[in-house]
Amino acid sequence: LPRRQKEALAHYAAGLEAYRGQRWQAALKQFGLAQGLLPEEEPSRVMAERCRAYQTSPPGEDWDDE
């Protein structure tokens, strides 16, 4: 993989870890960095949207991160 893609994947993975821990701001930062490297990729954009939604309306205790 090209270096740029590897870096984007690393940021996405870090964002996913933060997302699963309900650390929305940290996840948003990582997804944003991934988007900055590969703006055409959709997963980071979608996950950032989810984070913003959860910041406004946090999930319940029965939340499943899938």
PDB file of N, CA and C in Angstrom:
ATOM      1  N   LEU A   1       0.826  -1.195   0.000  1.00  0.00           N
ATOM      2  CA  LEU A   1       0.000   0.000   0.000  1.00  0.00           C
ATOM      3  C   LEU A   1       0.868   1.256   0.000  1.00  0.00           C
ATOM      4  N   PRO A   2       0.409   2.285  -0.670  1.00  0.00           N
ATOM      5  CA  PRO A   2       1.133   3.557  -0.629  1.00  0.00           C
ATOM      6  C   PRO A   2       1.126   4.123   0.799  1.00  0.00           C
ATOM      7  N   ARG A   3       2.145   4.895   1.100  1.00  0.00           N
ATOM      8  CA  ARG A   3       2.306   5.464   2.447  1.00  0.00           C
ATOM      9  C   ARG A   3       1.076   6.259   2.889  1.00  0.00           C
ATOM     10  N   ARG A   4       0.548   7.063   1.993  1.00  0.00           N
ATOM     11  CA  ARG A   4      -0.621   7.887   2.314  1.00  0.00           C
ATOM     12  C   ARG A   4      -1.808   7.017   2.730  1.00  0.00           C
ATOM     13  N   GLN A   5      -2.005   5.921   2.024  1.00  0.00           N
ATOM     14  CA  GLN A   5      -3.104   5.010   2.333  1.00  0.00           C
ATOM     15  C   GLN A   5      -2.855   4.317   3.679  1.00  0.00           C
ATOM     16  N   LYS A   6      -1.621   3.912   3.946  1.00  0.00           N
ATOM     17  CA  LYS A   6      -1.290   3.287   5.228  1.00  0.00           C
ATOM     18  C   LYS A   6      -1.553   4.246   6.385  1.00  0.00           C
ATOM     19  N   GLU A   7      -1.182   5.493   6.208  1.00  0.00           N
ATOM     20  CA  GLU A   7      -1.414   6.500   7.253  1.00  0.00           C
ATOM     21  C   GLU A   7      -2.908   6.708   7.477  1.00  0.00           C
ATOM     22  N   ALA A   8      -3.662   6.780   6.395  1.00  0.00           N
ATOM     23  CA  ALA A   8      -5.110   6.960   6.509  1.00  0.00           C
ATOM     24  C   ALA A   8      -5.739   5.778   7.241  1.00  0.00           C
ATOM     25  N   LEU A   9      -5.304   4.576   6.922  1.00  0.00           N
ATOM     26  CA  LEU A   9      -5.835   3.384   7.585  1.00  0.00           C
ATOM     27  C   LEU A   9      -5.488   3.378   9.066  1.00  0.00           C
ATOM     28  N   ALA A  10      -4.306   3.835   9.416  1.00  0.00           N
ATOM     29  CA  ALA A  10      -3.913   3.908  10.826  1.00  0.00           C
ATOM     30  C   ALA A  10      -4.796   4.904  11.577  1.00  0.00           C
ATOM     31  N   HIS A  11      -5.074   6.043  10.956  1.00  0.00           N
ATOM     32  CA  HIS A  11      -5.959   7.028  11.582  1.00  0.00           C
ATOM     33  C   HIS A  11      -7.383   6.476  11.701  1.00  0.00           C
ATOM     34  N   TYR A  12      -7.827   5.774  10.677  1.00  0.00           N
ATOM     35  CA  TYR A  12      -9.167   5.191  10.718  1.00  0.00           C
ATOM     36  C   TYR A  12      -9.255   4.167  11.854  1.00  0.00           C
ATOM     37  N   ALA A  13      -8.244   3.324  11.982  1.00  0.00           N
ATOM     38  CA  ALA A  13      -8.239   2.316  13.045  1.00  0.00           C
ATOM     39  C   ALA A  13      -8.259   2.982  14.423  1.00  0.00           C
ATOM     40  N   ALA A  14      -7.486   4.037  14.592  1.00  0.00           N
ATOM     41  CA  ALA A  14      -7.476   4.765  15.868  1.00  0.00           C
ATOM     42  C   ALA A  14      -8.838   5.411  16.115  1.00  0.00           C
ATOM     43  N   GLY A  15      -9.452   5.922  15.063  1.00  0.00           N
ATOM     44  CA  GLY A  15     -10.782   6.507  15.181  1.00  0.00           C
ATOM     45  C   GLY A  15     -11.814   5.469  15.569  1.00  0.00           C
ATOM     46  N   LEU A  16     -11.707   4.304  14.992  1.00  0.00           N
ATOM     47  CA  LEU A  16     -12.636   3.226  15.302  1.00  0.00           C
ATOM     48  C   LEU A  16     -12.500   2.785  16.762  1.00  0.00           C
ATOM     49  N   GLU A  17     -11.282   2.718  17.229  1.00  0.00           N
ATOM     50  CA  GLU A  17     -11.047   2.355  18.637  1.00  0.00           C
ATOM     51  C   GLU A  17     -11.676   3.395  19.569  1.00  0.00           C
ATOM     52  N   ALA A  18     -11.478   4.664  19.258  1.00  0.00           N
ATOM     53  CA  ALA A  18     -12.070   5.734  20.070  1.00  0.00           C
ATOM     54  C   ALA A  18     -13.595   5.685  19.981  1.00  0.00           C
ATOM     55  N   TYR A  19     -14.117   5.440  18.793  1.00  0.00           N
ATOM     56  CA  TYR A  19     -15.566   5.336  18.590  1.00  0.00           C
ATOM     57  C   TYR A  19     -16.147   4.230  19.462  1.00  0.00           C
ATOM     58  N   ARG A  20     -15.506   3.085  19.450  1.00  0.00           N
ATOM     59  CA  ARG A  20     -15.996   1.949  20.248  1.00  0.00           C
ATOM     60  C   ARG A  20     -15.947   2.243  21.744  1.00  0.00           C
ATOM     61  N   GLY A  21     -15.045   3.140  22.139  1.00  0.00           N
ATOM     62  CA  GLY A  21     -14.970   3.561  23.530  1.00  0.00           C
ATOM     63  C   GLY A  21     -15.835   4.776  23.832  1.00  0.00           C
ATOM     64  N   GLN A  22     -16.638   5.186  22.860  1.00  0.00           N
ATOM     65  CA  GLN A  22     -17.534   6.347  22.965  1.00  0.00           C
ATOM     66  C   GLN A  22     -16.769   7.633  23.271  1.00  0.00           C
ATOM     67  N   ARG A  23     -15.564   7.732  22.759  1.00  0.00           N
ATOM     68  CA  ARG A  23     -14.767   8.957  22.865  1.00  0.00           C
ATOM     69  C   ARG A  23     -14.927   9.700  21.536  1.00  0.00           C
ATOM     70  N   TRP A  24     -16.051  10.390  21.428  1.00  0.00           N
ATOM     71  CA  TRP A  24     -16.470  10.966  20.151  1.00  0.00           C
ATOM     72  C   TRP A  24     -15.491  11.996  19.608  1.00  0.00           C
ATOM     73  N   GLN A  25     -14.995  12.889  20.446  1.00  0.00           N
ATOM     74  CA  GLN A  25     -14.093  13.943  19.965  1.00  0.00           C
ATOM     75  C   GLN A  25     -12.785  13.355  19.444  1.00  0.00           C
ATOM     76  N   ALA A  26     -12.238  12.382  20.177  1.00  0.00           N
ATOM     77  CA  ALA A  26     -11.002  11.724  19.730  1.00  0.00           C
ATOM     78  C   ALA A  26     -11.234  10.981  18.417  1.00  0.00           C
ATOM     79  N   ALA A  27     -12.390  10.329  18.311  1.00  0.00           N
ATOM     80  CA  ALA A  27     -12.710   9.602  17.084  1.00  0.00           C
ATOM     81  C   ALA A  27     -12.847  10.563  15.910  1.00  0.00           C
ATOM     82  N   LEU A  28     -13.539  11.677  16.139  1.00  0.00           N
ATOM     83  CA  LEU A  28     -13.690  12.678  15.081  1.00  0.00           C
ATOM     84  C   LEU A  28     -12.346  13.184  14.581  1.00  0.00           C
ATOM     85  N   LYS A  29     -11.434  13.408  15.495  1.00  0.00           N
ATOM     86  CA  LYS A  29     -10.104  13.882  15.099  1.00  0.00           C
ATOM     87  C   LYS A  29      -9.429  12.873  14.177  1.00  0.00           C
ATOM     88  N   GLN A  30      -9.456  11.607  14.568  1.00  0.00           N
ATOM     89  CA  GLN A  30      -8.793  10.575  13.761  1.00  0.00           C
ATOM     90  C   GLN A  30      -9.470  10.376  12.406  1.00  0.00           C
ATOM     91  N   PHE A  31     -10.804  10.363  12.406  1.00  0.00           N
ATOM     92  CA  PHE A  31     -11.506  10.222  11.122  1.00  0.00           C
ATOM     93  C   PHE A  31     -11.232  11.430  10.226  1.00  0.00           C
ATOM     94  N   GLY A  32     -11.117  12.597  10.819  1.00  0.00           N
ATOM     95  CA  GLY A  32     -10.793  13.799  10.055  1.00  0.00           C
ATOM     96  C   GLY A  32      -9.412  13.717   9.425  1.00  0.00           C
ATOM     97  N   LEU A  33      -8.452  13.198  10.189  1.00  0.00           N
ATOM     98  CA  LEU A  33      -7.103  13.034   9.649  1.00  0.00           C
ATOM     99  C   LEU A  33      -7.100  12.031   8.497  1.00  0.00           C
ATOM    100  N   ALA A  34      -7.868  10.954   8.653  1.00  0.00           N
ATOM    101  CA  ALA A  34      -7.968   9.958   7.576  1.00  0.00           C
ATOM    102  C   ALA A  34      -8.589  10.584   6.333  1.00  0.00           C
ATOM    103  N   GLN A  35      -9.645  11.376   6.531  1.00  0.00           N
ATOM    104  CA  GLN A  35     -10.298  12.049   5.399  1.00  0.00           C
ATOM    105  C   GLN A  35      -9.351  13.026   4.714  1.00  0.00           C
ATOM    106  N   GLY A  36      -8.517  13.684   5.498  1.00  0.00           N
ATOM    107  CA  GLY A  36      -7.569  14.624   4.925  1.00  0.00           C
ATOM    108  C   GLY A  36      -6.571  13.948   3.999  1.00  0.00           C
ATOM    109  N   LEU A  37      -6.230  12.716   4.326  1.00  0.00           N
ATOM    110  CA  LEU A  37      -5.281  11.965   3.498  1.00  0.00           C
ATOM    111  C   LEU A  37      -5.951  11.334   2.283  1.00  0.00           C
ATOM    112  N   LEU A  38      -7.166  10.845   2.478  1.00  0.00           N
ATOM    113  CA  LEU A  38      -7.901  10.189   1.391  1.00  0.00           C
ATOM    114  C   LEU A  38      -9.338  10.714   1.357  1.00  0.00           C
ATOM    115  N   PRO A  39      -9.534  11.921   0.841  1.00  0.00           N
ATOM    116  CA  PRO A  39     -10.863  12.542   0.870  1.00  0.00           C
ATOM    117  C   PRO A  39     -11.943  11.773   0.113  1.00  0.00           C
ATOM    118  N   GLU A  40     -11.550  10.931  -0.819  1.00  0.00           N
ATOM    119  CA  GLU A  40     -12.541  10.200  -1.618  1.00  0.00           C
ATOM    120  C   GLU A  40     -13.094   8.970  -0.902  1.00  0.00           C
ATOM    121  N   GLU A  41     -12.497   8.580   0.202  1.00  0.00           N
ATOM    122  CA  GLU A  41     -12.953   7.398   0.929  1.00  0.00           C
ATOM    123  C   GLU A  41     -14.163   7.724   1.796  1.00  0.00           C
ATOM    124  N   GLU A  42     -15.178   6.909   1.729  1.00  0.00           N
ATOM    125  CA  GLU A  42     -16.434   7.151   2.438  1.00  0.00           C
ATOM    126  C   GLU A  42     -16.451   6.706   3.904  1.00  0.00           C
ATOM    127  N   PRO A  43     -15.788   5.619   4.299  1.00  0.00           N
ATOM    128  CA  PRO A  43     -15.939   5.141   5.678  1.00  0.00           C
ATOM    129  C   PRO A  43     -15.631   6.193   6.749  1.00  0.00           C
ATOM    130  N   SER A  44     -14.594   6.956   6.582  1.00  0.00           N
ATOM    131  CA  SER A  44     -14.254   7.970   7.585  1.00  0.00           C
ATOM    132  C   SER A  44     -15.320   9.051   7.658  1.00  0.00           C
ATOM    133  N   ARG A  45     -15.870   9.425   6.534  1.00  0.00           N
ATOM    134  CA  ARG A  45     -16.930  10.433   6.507  1.00  0.00           C
ATOM    135  C   ARG A  45     -18.163   9.922   7.242  1.00  0.00           C
ATOM    136  N   VAL A  46     -18.544   8.683   6.958  1.00  0.00           N
ATOM    137  CA  VAL A  46     -19.722   8.088   7.595  1.00  0.00           C
ATOM    138  C   VAL A  46     -19.519   7.989   9.103  1.00  0.00           C
ATOM    139  N   MET A  47     -18.348   7.539   9.526  1.00  0.00           N
ATOM    140  CA  MET A  47     -18.089   7.378  10.959  1.00  0.00           C
ATOM    141  C   MET A  47     -18.053   8.732  11.662  1.00  0.00           C
ATOM    142  N   ALA A  48     -17.529   9.744  10.994  1.00  0.00           N
ATOM    143  CA  ALA A  48     -17.520  11.092  11.582  1.00  0.00           C
ATOM    144  C   ALA A  48     -18.948  11.595  11.773  1.00  0.00           C
ATOM    145  N   GLU A  49     -19.815  11.318  10.810  1.00  0.00           N
ATOM    146  CA  GLU A  49     -21.227  11.706  10.937  1.00  0.00           C
ATOM    147  C   GLU A  49     -21.866  11.023  12.143  1.00  0.00           C
ATOM    148  N   ARG A  50     -21.562   9.755  12.334  1.00  0.00           N
ATOM    149  CA  ARG A  50     -22.100   9.023  13.485  1.00  0.00           C
ATOM    150  C   ARG A  50     -21.608   9.641  14.793  1.00  0.00           C
ATOM    151  N   CYS A  51     -20.338   9.985  14.839  1.00  0.00           N
ATOM    152  CA  CYS A  51     -19.772  10.599  16.050  1.00  0.00           C
ATOM    153  C   CYS A  51     -20.482  11.907  16.371  1.00  0.00           C
ATOM    154  N   ARG A  52     -20.678  12.728  15.352  1.00  0.00           N
ATOM    155  CA  ARG A  52     -21.360  14.011  15.575  1.00  0.00           C
ATOM    156  C   ARG A  52     -22.786  13.787  16.069  1.00  0.00           C
ATOM    157  N   ALA A  53     -23.462  12.786  15.533  1.00  0.00           N
ATOM    158  CA  ALA A  53     -24.822  12.480  15.972  1.00  0.00           C
ATOM    159  C   ALA A  53     -24.816  12.011  17.427  1.00  0.00           C
ATOM    160  N   TYR A  54     -23.859  11.183  17.790  1.00  0.00           N
ATOM    161  CA  TYR A  54     -23.788  10.682  19.163  1.00  0.00           C
ATOM    162  C   TYR A  54     -23.366  11.761  20.150  1.00  0.00           C
ATOM    163  N   GLN A  55     -22.613  12.748  19.688  1.00  0.00           N
ATOM    164  CA  GLN A  55     -22.267  13.867  20.570  1.00  0.00           C
ATOM    165  C   GLN A  55     -23.540  14.625  20.956  1.00  0.00           C
ATOM    166  N   THR A  56     -24.435  14.773  20.008  1.00  0.00           N
ATOM    167  CA  THR A  56     -25.681  15.491  20.230  1.00  0.00           C
ATOM    168  C   THR A  56     -26.681  14.649  21.014  1.00  0.00           C
ATOM    169  N   SER A  57     -26.755  13.377  20.669  1.00  0.00           N
ATOM    170  CA  SER A  57     -27.711  12.468  21.292  1.00  0.00           C
ATOM    171  C   SER A  57     -26.991  11.160  21.605  1.00  0.00           C
ATOM    172  N   PRO A  58     -26.354  11.070  22.787  1.00  0.00           N
ATOM    173  CA  PRO A  58     -25.569   9.872  23.124  1.00  0.00           C
ATOM    174  C   PRO A  58     -26.411   8.594  23.094  1.00  0.00           C
ATOM    175  N   PRO A  59     -25.764   7.498  22.742  1.00  0.00           N
ATOM    176  CA  PRO A  59     -26.478   6.219  22.696  1.00  0.00           C
ATOM    177  C   PRO A  59     -26.823   5.744  24.107  1.00  0.00           C
ATOM    178  N   GLY A  60     -27.782   4.859  24.198  1.00  0.00           N
ATOM    179  CA  GLY A  60     -28.172   4.297  25.481  1.00  0.00           C
ATOM    180  C   GLY A  60     -27.165   3.274  25.984  1.00  0.00           C
ATOM    181  N   GLU A  61     -27.437   2.746  27.160  1.00  0.00           N
ATOM    182  CA  GLU A  61     -26.523   1.783  27.768  1.00  0.00           C
ATOM    183  C   GLU A  61     -26.455   0.475  26.997  1.00  0.00           C
ATOM    184  N   ASP A  62     -27.474   0.169  26.222  1.00  0.00           N
ATOM    185  CA  ASP A  62     -27.486  -1.076  25.443  1.00  0.00           C
ATOM    186  C   ASP A  62     -26.844  -0.896  24.070  1.00  0.00           C
ATOM    187  N   TRP A  63     -26.071   0.192  23.925  1.00  0.00           N
ATOM    188  CA  TRP A  63     -25.419   0.519  22.659  1.00  0.00           C
ATOM    189  C   TRP A  63     -24.527  -0.612  22.178  1.00  0.00           C
ATOM    190  N   ASP A  64     -24.634  -0.910  20.898  1.00  0.00           N
ATOM    191  CA  ASP A  64     -23.776  -1.889  20.248  1.00  0.00           C
ATOM    192  C   ASP A  64     -22.991  -1.129  19.191  1.00  0.00           C
ATOM    193  N   ASP A  65     -21.675  -1.222  19.254  1.00  0.00           N
ATOM    194  CA  ASP A  65     -20.828  -0.408  18.375  1.00  0.00           C
ATOM    195  C   ASP A  65     -20.789  -0.883  16.926  1.00  0.00           C
ATOM    196  N   GLU A  66     -21.538  -1.856  16.569  1.00  0.00           N
ATOM    197  CA  GLU A  66     -21.483  -2.358  15.206  1.00  0.00           C
ATOM    198  C   GLU A  66     -22.343  -1.546  14.287  1.00  0.00           C
TER     199      GLU A  66
END
